Amino acid sequence: IYELVAALEARLLELGGALRYETRVDALLLSGSAAAGVSTAAGHVAADAVVWSGDALVLDRLLGRPTQPEPERSLSGLALMLGLRGRTPELTHHMITFPADYDAEFDDVFAERRLPRDPTLYVSASCATDASEAPVGAENWFVLVNAPSGAALSAESLDAYEAMLVGRLGVGSRIVTSARRTPDDLERETGAARGAIYGAAPHGRLGTIGRPTNAARRPRGLYRAGGTVHPGGGLPLVMLGAKVVAEEIGPAR
């Protein structure tokens, strides 16, 4: 997947673009009723069109028009990054196990606002398809479970939950190194409001098609991409949304 990021970066630079990493955006600049650039921690950047790929709710805040009332947020995630000694027989890149009661998992996340007692477990072991991703005789596992966004999760409860997940996976004795990412980490590192992965919760019949559009009605020249807007989350849909934005903007003039 990261090869796609590298390819996009290379193409942008090839076309004469510039990238500014680790630069905080503080506000959108307007000229009348049109987007005119962004204000960052490193200064202003003028633009004829602005594409926002972060959380749509955060964009409203940058425009000085916070959504009232704030919509219910989608779920977040708790991730474990595990470095394991030894090899797992018949290891595959993607592995997933579902709970006996799928509805109960989402009741825990959305109604009870707690980590699911019996979670869906997703494991990605990229070393299964690219041996260079882990040392010889070892494996790299990315483990993800659903989690409530914006919930207060104590360090003690997270430690206990992590131990439960490791026990369920049966890899405790193999762990060489580990790291954890919580909903709070996701909010801090990516700007996702309350750590929600998909923006507003897509509940109800219109939840999915009611996502924010790719071209903003106002200001003119503002466009939106990413997993919190149309057509939805997940890399394939996010890339389709980016394609829509590129077509809306049109060729360089």
C-alpha atoms as a PDB file:
ATOM      1  CA  ILE A   1       0.000   0.000   0.000  1.00  0.00           C
ATOM      2  CA  TYR A   2       2.792   2.425   0.846  1.00  0.00           C
ATOM      3  CA  GLU A   3       4.112   2.051  -2.710  1.00  0.00           C
ATOM      4  CA  LEU A   4       1.068   4.060  -3.784  1.00  0.00           C
ATOM      5  CA  VAL A   5       2.105   6.894  -1.467  1.00  0.00           C
ATOM      6  CA  ALA A   6       5.647   6.809  -2.850  1.00  0.00           C
ATOM      7  CA  ALA A   7       4.344   6.841  -6.431  1.00  0.00           C
ATOM      8  CA  LEU A   8       2.094   9.840  -5.777  1.00  0.00           C
ATOM      9  CA  GLU A   9       4.959  11.699  -4.107  1.00  0.00           C
ATOM     10  CA  ALA A  10       7.304  10.976  -7.014  1.00  0.00           C
ATOM     11  CA  ARG A  11       4.739  12.115  -9.582  1.00  0.00           C
ATOM     12  CA  LEU A  12       4.024  15.343  -7.715  1.00  0.00           C
ATOM     13  CA  LEU A  13       7.720  16.210  -7.533  1.00  0.00           C
ATOM     14  CA  GLU A  14       8.152  15.276 -11.190  1.00  0.00           C
ATOM     15  CA  LEU A  15       5.469  17.819 -12.084  1.00  0.00           C
ATOM     16  CA  GLY A  16       7.251  20.551 -10.124  1.00  0.00           C
ATOM     17  CA  GLY A  17       5.236  20.386  -6.923  1.00  0.00           C
ATOM     18  CA  ALA A  18       6.590  20.948  -3.426  1.00  0.00           C
ATOM     19  CA  LEU A  19       5.847  19.049  -0.225  1.00  0.00           C
ATOM     20  CA  ARG A  20       5.950  20.443   3.303  1.00  0.00           C
ATOM     21  CA  TYR A  21       5.840  17.656   5.854  1.00  0.00           C
ATOM     22  CA  GLU A  22       5.070  18.010   9.574  1.00  0.00           C
ATOM     23  CA  THR A  23       3.575  21.470   8.995  1.00  0.00           C
ATOM     24  CA  ARG A  24       0.446  22.347  10.960  1.00  0.00           C
ATOM     25  CA  VAL A  25      -2.404  24.092   9.119  1.00  0.00           C
ATOM     26  CA  ASP A  26      -3.998  26.754  11.314  1.00  0.00           C
ATOM     27  CA  ALA A  27      -6.602  28.286   8.996  1.00  0.00           C
ATOM     28  CA  LEU A  28      -7.902  28.500   5.460  1.00  0.00           C
ATOM     29  CA  LEU A  29      -7.341  31.797   3.690  1.00  0.00           C
ATOM     30  CA  LEU A  30     -10.274  33.362   1.870  1.00  0.00           C
ATOM     31  CA  SER A  31     -10.568  36.038  -0.778  1.00  0.00           C
ATOM     32  CA  GLY A  32     -14.176  37.102  -0.749  1.00  0.00           C
ATOM     33  CA  SER A  33     -16.177  33.916  -1.226  1.00  0.00           C
ATOM     34  CA  ALA A  34     -13.295  31.866  -2.635  1.00  0.00           C
ATOM     35  CA  ALA A  35     -10.517  29.789  -1.098  1.00  0.00           C
ATOM     36  CA  ALA A  36      -7.172  31.562  -1.469  1.00  0.00           C
ATOM     37  CA  GLY A  37      -4.688  29.319   0.356  1.00  0.00           C
ATOM     38  CA  VAL A  38      -3.788  28.154   3.832  1.00  0.00           C
ATOM     39  CA  SER A  39      -2.130  29.629   6.892  1.00  0.00           C
ATOM     40  CA  THR A  40       0.421  27.269   8.424  1.00  0.00           C
ATOM     41  CA  ALA A  41       2.836  27.286  11.314  1.00  0.00           C
ATOM     42  CA  ALA A  42       5.529  28.128   8.737  1.00  0.00           C
ATOM     43  CA  GLY A  43       3.624  30.968   7.041  1.00  0.00           C
ATOM     44  CA  HIS A  44       0.965  31.542   4.380  1.00  0.00           C
ATOM     45  CA  VAL A  45       0.665  29.501   1.182  1.00  0.00           C
ATOM     46  CA  ALA A  46      -1.403  31.087  -1.596  1.00  0.00           C
ATOM     47  CA  ALA A  47      -3.461  28.840  -3.881  1.00  0.00           C
ATOM     48  CA  ASP A  48      -6.170  28.948  -6.549  1.00  0.00           C
ATOM     49  CA  ALA A  49      -7.658  25.713  -5.196  1.00  0.00           C
ATOM     50  CA  VAL A  50      -7.350  24.046  -1.799  1.00  0.00           C
ATOM     51  CA  VAL A  51      -7.838  20.303  -1.253  1.00  0.00           C
ATOM     52  CA  TRP A  52      -8.477  19.172   2.315  1.00  0.00           C
ATOM     53  CA  SER A  53      -7.846  15.481   3.009  1.00  0.00           C
ATOM     54  CA  GLY A  54      -8.224  15.565   6.787  1.00  0.00           C
ATOM     55  CA  ASP A  55     -11.314  15.156   8.947  1.00  0.00           C
ATOM     56  CA  ALA A  56     -14.268  17.066   7.483  1.00  0.00           C
ATOM     57  CA  LEU A  57     -15.324  18.170  10.976  1.00  0.00           C
ATOM     58  CA  VAL A  58     -11.913  19.752  11.568  1.00  0.00           C
ATOM     59  CA  LEU A  59     -12.248  21.594   8.249  1.00  0.00           C
ATOM     60  CA  ASP A  60     -15.455  23.223   9.477  1.00  0.00           C
ATOM     61  CA  ARG A  61     -13.574  24.405  12.551  1.00  0.00           C
ATOM     62  CA  LEU A  62     -10.784  25.885  10.412  1.00  0.00           C
ATOM     63  CA  LEU A  63     -13.431  27.782   8.475  1.00  0.00           C
ATOM     64  CA  GLY A  64     -14.820  29.168  11.724  1.00  0.00           C
ATOM     65  CA  ARG A  65     -18.121  27.361  11.381  1.00  0.00           C
ATOM     66  CA  PRO A  66     -18.117  24.417  13.804  1.00  0.00           C
ATOM     67  CA  THR A  67     -20.983  22.024  13.139  1.00  0.00           C
ATOM     68  CA  GLN A  68     -23.815  22.331  15.667  1.00  0.00           C
ATOM     69  CA  PRO A  69     -24.789  19.928  16.953  1.00  0.00           C
ATOM     70  CA  GLU A  70     -21.696  17.854  16.309  1.00  0.00           C
ATOM     71  CA  PRO A  71     -22.673  14.618  14.538  1.00  0.00           C
ATOM     72  CA  GLU A  72     -22.104  11.261  16.192  1.00  0.00           C
ATOM     73  CA  ARG A  73     -18.624  10.074  15.332  1.00  0.00           C
ATOM     74  CA  SER A  74     -17.789   6.769  13.683  1.00  0.00           C
ATOM     75  CA  LEU A  75     -15.807   4.093  15.435  1.00  0.00           C
ATOM     76  CA  SER A  76     -12.094   4.336  16.128  1.00  0.00           C
ATOM     77  CA  GLY A  77      -9.513   1.606  16.487  1.00  0.00           C
ATOM     78  CA  LEU A  78      -6.998   0.151  18.890  1.00  0.00           C
ATOM     79  CA  ALA A  79      -3.881  -1.091  17.118  1.00  0.00           C
ATOM     80  CA  LEU A  80      -1.003  -3.253  18.293  1.00  0.00           C
ATOM     81  CA  MET A  81       2.261  -3.473  16.358  1.00  0.00           C
ATOM     82  CA  LEU A  82       4.008  -6.687  17.324  1.00  0.00           C
ATOM     83  CA  GLY A  83       7.454  -7.979  16.450  1.00  0.00           C
ATOM     84  CA  LEU A  84       7.423 -11.747  16.940  1.00  0.00           C
ATOM     85  CA  ARG A  85      10.198 -14.307  17.046  1.00  0.00           C
ATOM     86  CA  GLY A  86       9.657 -17.511  15.105  1.00  0.00           C
ATOM     87  CA  ARG A  87       7.426 -18.291  12.172  1.00  0.00           C
ATOM     88  CA  THR A  88       3.709 -19.060  12.105  1.00  0.00           C
ATOM     89  CA  PRO A  89       2.713 -22.093  10.004  1.00  0.00           C
ATOM     90  CA  GLU A  90       0.593 -21.170   6.969  1.00  0.00           C
ATOM     91  CA  LEU A  91       0.861 -17.447   7.766  1.00  0.00           C
ATOM     92  CA  THR A  92      -1.078 -15.187   5.393  1.00  0.00           C
ATOM     93  CA  HIS A  93      -0.848 -11.428   4.861  1.00  0.00           C
ATOM     94  CA  HIS A  94      -4.418 -10.785   6.033  1.00  0.00           C
ATOM     95  CA  MET A  95      -6.196 -12.725   8.770  1.00  0.00           C
ATOM     96  CA  ILE A  96      -9.521 -11.942  10.409  1.00  0.00           C
ATOM     97  CA  THR A  97     -11.682 -13.628  13.029  1.00  0.00           C
ATOM     98  CA  PHE A  98     -15.244 -12.587  13.818  1.00  0.00           C
ATOM     99  CA  PRO A  99     -17.027 -12.748  17.178  1.00  0.00           C
ATOM    100  CA  ALA A 100     -19.909 -15.080  17.890  1.00  0.00           C
ATOM    101  CA  ASP A 101     -22.227 -12.052  18.295  1.00  0.00           C
ATOM    102  CA  TYR A 102     -21.344  -9.334  15.785  1.00  0.00           C
ATOM    103  CA  ASP A 103     -24.192  -7.046  16.920  1.00  0.00           C
ATOM    104  CA  ALA A 104     -22.969  -7.163  20.527  1.00  0.00           C
ATOM    105  CA  GLU A 105     -19.585  -5.853  19.415  1.00  0.00           C
ATOM    106  CA  PHE A 106     -21.137  -2.718  17.951  1.00  0.00           C
ATOM    107  CA  ASP A 107     -23.428  -2.300  20.952  1.00  0.00           C
ATOM    108  CA  ASP A 108     -20.286  -2.212  23.094  1.00  0.00           C
ATOM    109  CA  VAL A 109     -18.606   0.362  20.827  1.00  0.00           C
ATOM    110  CA  PHE A 110     -21.512   2.723  20.129  1.00  0.00           C
ATOM    111  CA  ALA A 111     -24.047   2.233  22.942  1.00  0.00           C
ATOM    112  CA  GLU A 112     -21.838   1.311  25.885  1.00  0.00           C
ATOM    113  CA  ARG A 113     -18.808   3.355  24.704  1.00  0.00           C
ATOM    114  CA  ARG A 114     -16.341   0.664  25.706  1.00  0.00           C
ATOM    115  CA  LEU A 115     -13.841  -1.666  24.094  1.00  0.00           C
ATOM    116  CA  PRO A 116     -15.727  -4.690  22.759  1.00  0.00           C
ATOM    117  CA  ARG A 117     -15.685  -7.678  25.049  1.00  0.00           C
ATOM    118  CA  ASP A 118     -15.544 -10.065  22.082  1.00  0.00           C
ATOM    119  CA  PRO A 119     -13.960  -8.096  19.220  1.00  0.00           C
ATOM    120  CA  THR A 120     -13.429  -8.758  15.565  1.00  0.00           C
ATOM    121  CA  LEU A 121      -9.676  -9.342  15.248  1.00  0.00           C
ATOM    122  CA  TYR A 122      -7.832  -8.192  12.139  1.00  0.00           C
ATOM    123  CA  VAL A 123      -4.170  -9.125  11.685  1.00  0.00           C
ATOM    124  CA  SER A 124      -1.911  -7.949   8.868  1.00  0.00           C
ATOM    125  CA  ALA A 125       1.462  -9.677   8.534  1.00  0.00           C
ATOM    126  CA  SER A 126       3.126  -8.066   5.534  1.00  0.00           C
ATOM    127  CA  CYS A 127       6.151 -10.345   5.903  1.00  0.00           C
ATOM    128  CA  ALA A 128       3.963 -13.132   4.518  1.00  0.00           C
ATOM    129  CA  THR A 129       4.171 -11.528   1.067  1.00  0.00           C
ATOM    130  CA  ASP A 130       7.409  -9.535   1.459  1.00  0.00           C
ATOM    131  CA  ALA A 131      10.045 -11.281   3.561  1.00  0.00           C
ATOM    132  CA  SER A 132      12.085  -8.067   3.831  1.00  0.00           C
ATOM    133  CA  GLU A 133       9.398  -6.593   6.097  1.00  0.00           C
ATOM    134  CA  ALA A 134      10.706  -8.581   9.098  1.00  0.00           C
ATOM    135  CA  PRO A 135      14.073 -10.014  10.205  1.00  0.00           C
ATOM    136  CA  VAL A 136      14.923 -13.568   9.223  1.00  0.00           C
ATOM    137  CA  GLY A 137      13.044 -15.993  11.463  1.00  0.00           C
ATOM    138  CA  ALA A 138      10.653 -13.319  12.725  1.00  0.00           C
ATOM    139  CA  GLU A 139       7.299 -11.742  11.847  1.00  0.00           C
ATOM    140  CA  ASN A 140       5.655  -8.324  11.937  1.00  0.00           C
ATOM    141  CA  TRP A 141       2.007  -8.272  12.972  1.00  0.00           C
ATOM    142  CA  PHE A 142      -0.354  -5.299  12.832  1.00  0.00           C
ATOM    143  CA  VAL A 143      -3.383  -6.100  14.987  1.00  0.00           C
ATOM    144  CA  LEU A 144      -6.517  -3.933  14.851  1.00  0.00           C
ATOM    145  CA  VAL A 145      -9.782  -4.033  16.788  1.00  0.00           C
ATOM    146  CA  ASN A 146     -12.736  -1.652  16.773  1.00  0.00           C
ATOM    147  CA  ALA A 147     -12.836   0.913  19.576  1.00  0.00           C
ATOM    148  CA  PRO A 148     -15.154   3.746  20.624  1.00  0.00           C
ATOM    149  CA  SER A 149     -14.098   7.211  19.491  1.00  0.00           C
ATOM    150  CA  GLY A 150     -13.725   9.855  22.169  1.00  0.00           C
ATOM    151  CA  ALA A 151     -14.101   7.423  25.075  1.00  0.00           C
ATOM    152  CA  ALA A 152     -11.974   7.806  28.199  1.00  0.00           C
ATOM    153  CA  LEU A 153      -9.723   4.738  28.203  1.00  0.00           C
ATOM    154  CA  SER A 154      -7.328   4.505  31.132  1.00  0.00           C
ATOM    155  CA  ALA A 155      -3.804   3.139  30.799  1.00  0.00           C
ATOM    156  CA  GLU A 156      -4.758   0.315  33.151  1.00  0.00           C
ATOM    157  CA  SER A 157      -7.768  -0.719  31.072  1.00  0.00           C
ATOM    158  CA  LEU A 158      -5.719  -0.551  27.873  1.00  0.00           C
ATOM    159  CA  ASP A 159      -2.968  -2.691  29.401  1.00  0.00           C
ATOM    160  CA  ALA A 160      -5.505  -5.301  30.478  1.00  0.00           C
ATOM    161  CA  TYR A 161      -7.207  -5.274  27.089  1.00  0.00           C
ATOM    162  CA  GLU A 162      -3.896  -5.607  25.257  1.00  0.00           C
ATOM    163  CA  ALA A 163      -3.023  -8.607  27.433  1.00  0.00           C
ATOM    164  CA  MET A 164      -6.393 -10.159  26.561  1.00  0.00           C
ATOM    165  CA  LEU A 165      -5.789  -9.681  22.823  1.00  0.00           C
ATOM    166  CA  VAL A 166      -2.274 -11.099  22.993  1.00  0.00           C
ATOM    167  CA  GLY A 167      -3.594 -14.084  24.921  1.00  0.00           C
ATOM    168  CA  ARG A 168      -6.336 -14.666  22.395  1.00  0.00           C
ATOM    169  CA  LEU A 169      -3.791 -14.564  19.571  1.00  0.00           C
ATOM    170  CA  GLY A 170      -1.522 -16.939  21.475  1.00  0.00           C
ATOM    171  CA  VAL A 171       1.679 -15.008  20.752  1.00  0.00           C
ATOM    172  CA  GLY A 172       2.636 -13.695  24.207  1.00  0.00           C
ATOM    173  CA  SER A 173       5.790 -15.794  24.504  1.00  0.00           C
ATOM    174  CA  ARG A 174       6.956 -14.724  21.045  1.00  0.00           C
ATOM    175  CA  ILE A 175       6.825 -10.937  21.470  1.00  0.00           C
ATOM    176  CA  VAL A 176      10.201  -9.231  21.010  1.00  0.00           C
ATOM    177  CA  THR A 177       8.912  -5.688  20.651  1.00  0.00           C
ATOM    178  CA  SER A 178       5.501  -4.036  20.703  1.00  0.00           C
ATOM    179  CA  ALA A 179       3.794  -0.672  20.353  1.00  0.00           C
ATOM    180  CA  ARG A 180       0.206   0.463  20.799  1.00  0.00           C
ATOM    181  CA  ARG A 181      -1.902   3.135  19.117  1.00  0.00           C
ATOM    182  CA  THR A 182      -5.122   4.286  20.789  1.00  0.00           C
ATOM    183  CA  PRO A 183      -7.985   6.544  19.645  1.00  0.00           C
ATOM    184  CA  ASP A 184      -6.281   9.414  21.495  1.00  0.00           C
ATOM    185  CA  ASP A 185      -3.058   8.732  19.579  1.00  0.00           C
ATOM    186  CA  LEU A 186      -4.992   8.773  16.318  1.00  0.00           C
ATOM    187  CA  GLU A 187      -6.509  12.162  17.128  1.00  0.00           C
ATOM    188  CA  ARG A 188      -3.166  13.625  18.180  1.00  0.00           C
ATOM    189  CA  GLU A 189      -1.167  12.255  15.250  1.00  0.00           C
ATOM    190  CA  THR A 190      -3.652  12.699  12.393  1.00  0.00           C
ATOM    191  CA  GLY A 191      -6.120  15.342  13.578  1.00  0.00           C
ATOM    192  CA  ALA A 192      -9.071  12.932  13.374  1.00  0.00           C
ATOM    193  CA  ALA A 193     -11.704  14.445  15.670  1.00  0.00           C
ATOM    194  CA  ARG A 194     -12.028  12.239  18.768  1.00  0.00           C
ATOM    195  CA  GLY A 195     -10.005   9.587  16.974  1.00  0.00           C
ATOM    196  CA  ALA A 196     -12.868   8.615  14.652  1.00  0.00           C
ATOM    197  CA  ILE A 197     -11.549   6.822  11.580  1.00  0.00           C
ATOM    198  CA  TYR A 198     -14.437   7.520   9.194  1.00  0.00           C
ATOM    199  CA  GLY A 199     -15.721  10.902  10.352  1.00  0.00           C
ATOM    200  CA  ALA A 200     -19.442  11.020  11.116  1.00  0.00           C
ATOM    201  CA  ALA A 201     -21.071   7.686  11.940  1.00  0.00           C
ATOM    202  CA  PRO A 202     -22.737   6.303   8.765  1.00  0.00           C
ATOM    203  CA  HIS A 203     -25.889   5.141  10.575  1.00  0.00           C
ATOM    204  CA  GLY A 204     -29.275   4.915   8.917  1.00  0.00           C
ATOM    205  CA  ARG A 205     -30.394   4.623   5.309  1.00  0.00           C
ATOM    206  CA  LEU A 206     -28.833   7.919   4.278  1.00  0.00           C
ATOM    207  CA  GLY A 207     -25.710   7.629   6.400  1.00  0.00           C
ATOM    208  CA  THR A 208     -23.424   6.536   3.587  1.00  0.00           C
ATOM    209  CA  ILE A 209     -24.727   8.776   0.801  1.00  0.00           C
ATOM    210  CA  GLY A 210     -25.032  11.703   3.214  1.00  0.00           C
ATOM    211  CA  ARG A 211     -21.281  12.173   3.526  1.00  0.00           C
ATOM    212  CA  PRO A 212     -19.795  15.613   2.762  1.00  0.00           C
ATOM    213  CA  THR A 213     -19.330  16.166  -0.969  1.00  0.00           C
ATOM    214  CA  ASN A 214     -15.932  16.380  -2.659  1.00  0.00           C
ATOM    215  CA  ALA A 215     -16.505  19.923  -3.931  1.00  0.00           C
ATOM    216  CA  ALA A 216     -17.558  22.322  -1.173  1.00  0.00           C
ATOM    217  CA  ARG A 217     -20.487  24.625  -1.916  1.00  0.00           C
ATOM    218  CA  ARG A 218     -18.613  27.432  -0.243  1.00  0.00           C
ATOM    219  CA  PRO A 219     -16.079  28.788  -0.354  1.00  0.00           C
ATOM    220  CA  ARG A 220     -15.463  28.306  -4.065  1.00  0.00           C
ATOM    221  CA  GLY A 221     -12.228  26.508  -4.860  1.00  0.00           C
ATOM    222  CA  LEU A 222     -12.320  24.282  -1.770  1.00  0.00           C
ATOM    223  CA  TYR A 223     -12.340  20.524  -2.266  1.00  0.00           C
ATOM    224  CA  ARG A 224     -12.437  17.562   0.114  1.00  0.00           C
ATOM    225  CA  ALA A 225     -10.932  14.089  -0.090  1.00  0.00           C
ATOM    226  CA  GLY A 226     -10.168  11.339   2.411  1.00  0.00           C
ATOM    227  CA  GLY A 227     -12.071   8.768   4.402  1.00  0.00           C
ATOM    228  CA  THR A 228     -14.538  11.158   6.088  1.00  0.00           C
ATOM    229  CA  VAL A 229     -16.153  12.401   2.853  1.00  0.00           C
ATOM    230  CA  HIS A 230     -17.719  10.922  -0.281  1.00  0.00           C
ATOM    231  CA  PRO A 231     -17.524   8.109  -1.310  1.00  0.00           C
ATOM    232  CA  GLY A 232     -16.207   6.703   2.007  1.00  0.00           C
ATOM    233  CA  GLY A 233     -13.342   5.177   3.956  1.00  0.00           C
ATOM    234  CA  GLY A 234     -10.801   2.593   2.906  1.00  0.00           C
ATOM    235  CA  LEU A 235      -8.037   3.111   0.369  1.00  0.00           C
ATOM    236  CA  PRO A 236      -9.989   2.183  -2.804  1.00  0.00           C
ATOM    237  CA  LEU A 237     -12.839   4.577  -1.989  1.00  0.00           C
ATOM    238  CA  VAL A 238     -10.465   7.308  -0.834  1.00  0.00           C
ATOM    239  CA  MET A 239      -8.587   7.104  -4.139  1.00  0.00           C
ATOM    240  CA  LEU A 240     -11.873   7.275  -6.057  1.00  0.00           C
ATOM    241  CA  GLY A 241     -12.747  10.413  -4.102  1.00  0.00           C
ATOM    242  CA  ALA A 242      -9.352  11.905  -4.942  1.00  0.00           C
ATOM    243  CA  LYS A 243      -9.998  11.145  -8.623  1.00  0.00           C
ATOM    244  CA  VAL A 244     -13.322  12.979  -8.410  1.00  0.00           C
ATOM    245  CA  VAL A 245     -11.546  15.994  -6.889  1.00  0.00           C
ATOM    246  CA  ALA A 246      -8.878  15.987  -9.609  1.00  0.00           C
ATOM    247  CA  GLU A 247     -11.569  15.921 -12.287  1.00  0.00           C
ATOM    248  CA  GLU A 248     -13.507  18.723 -10.557  1.00  0.00           C
ATOM    249  CA  ILE A 249     -10.420  20.948 -10.452  1.00  0.00           C
ATOM    250  CA  GLY A 250      -9.487  20.088 -14.033  1.00  0.00           C
ATOM    251  CA  PRO A 251      -6.133  20.406 -15.810  1.00  0.00           C
ATOM    252  CA  ALA A 252      -3.622  23.073 -14.818  1.00  0.00           C
ATOM    253  CA  ARG A 253      -4.110  26.369 -16.586  1.00  0.00           C
END
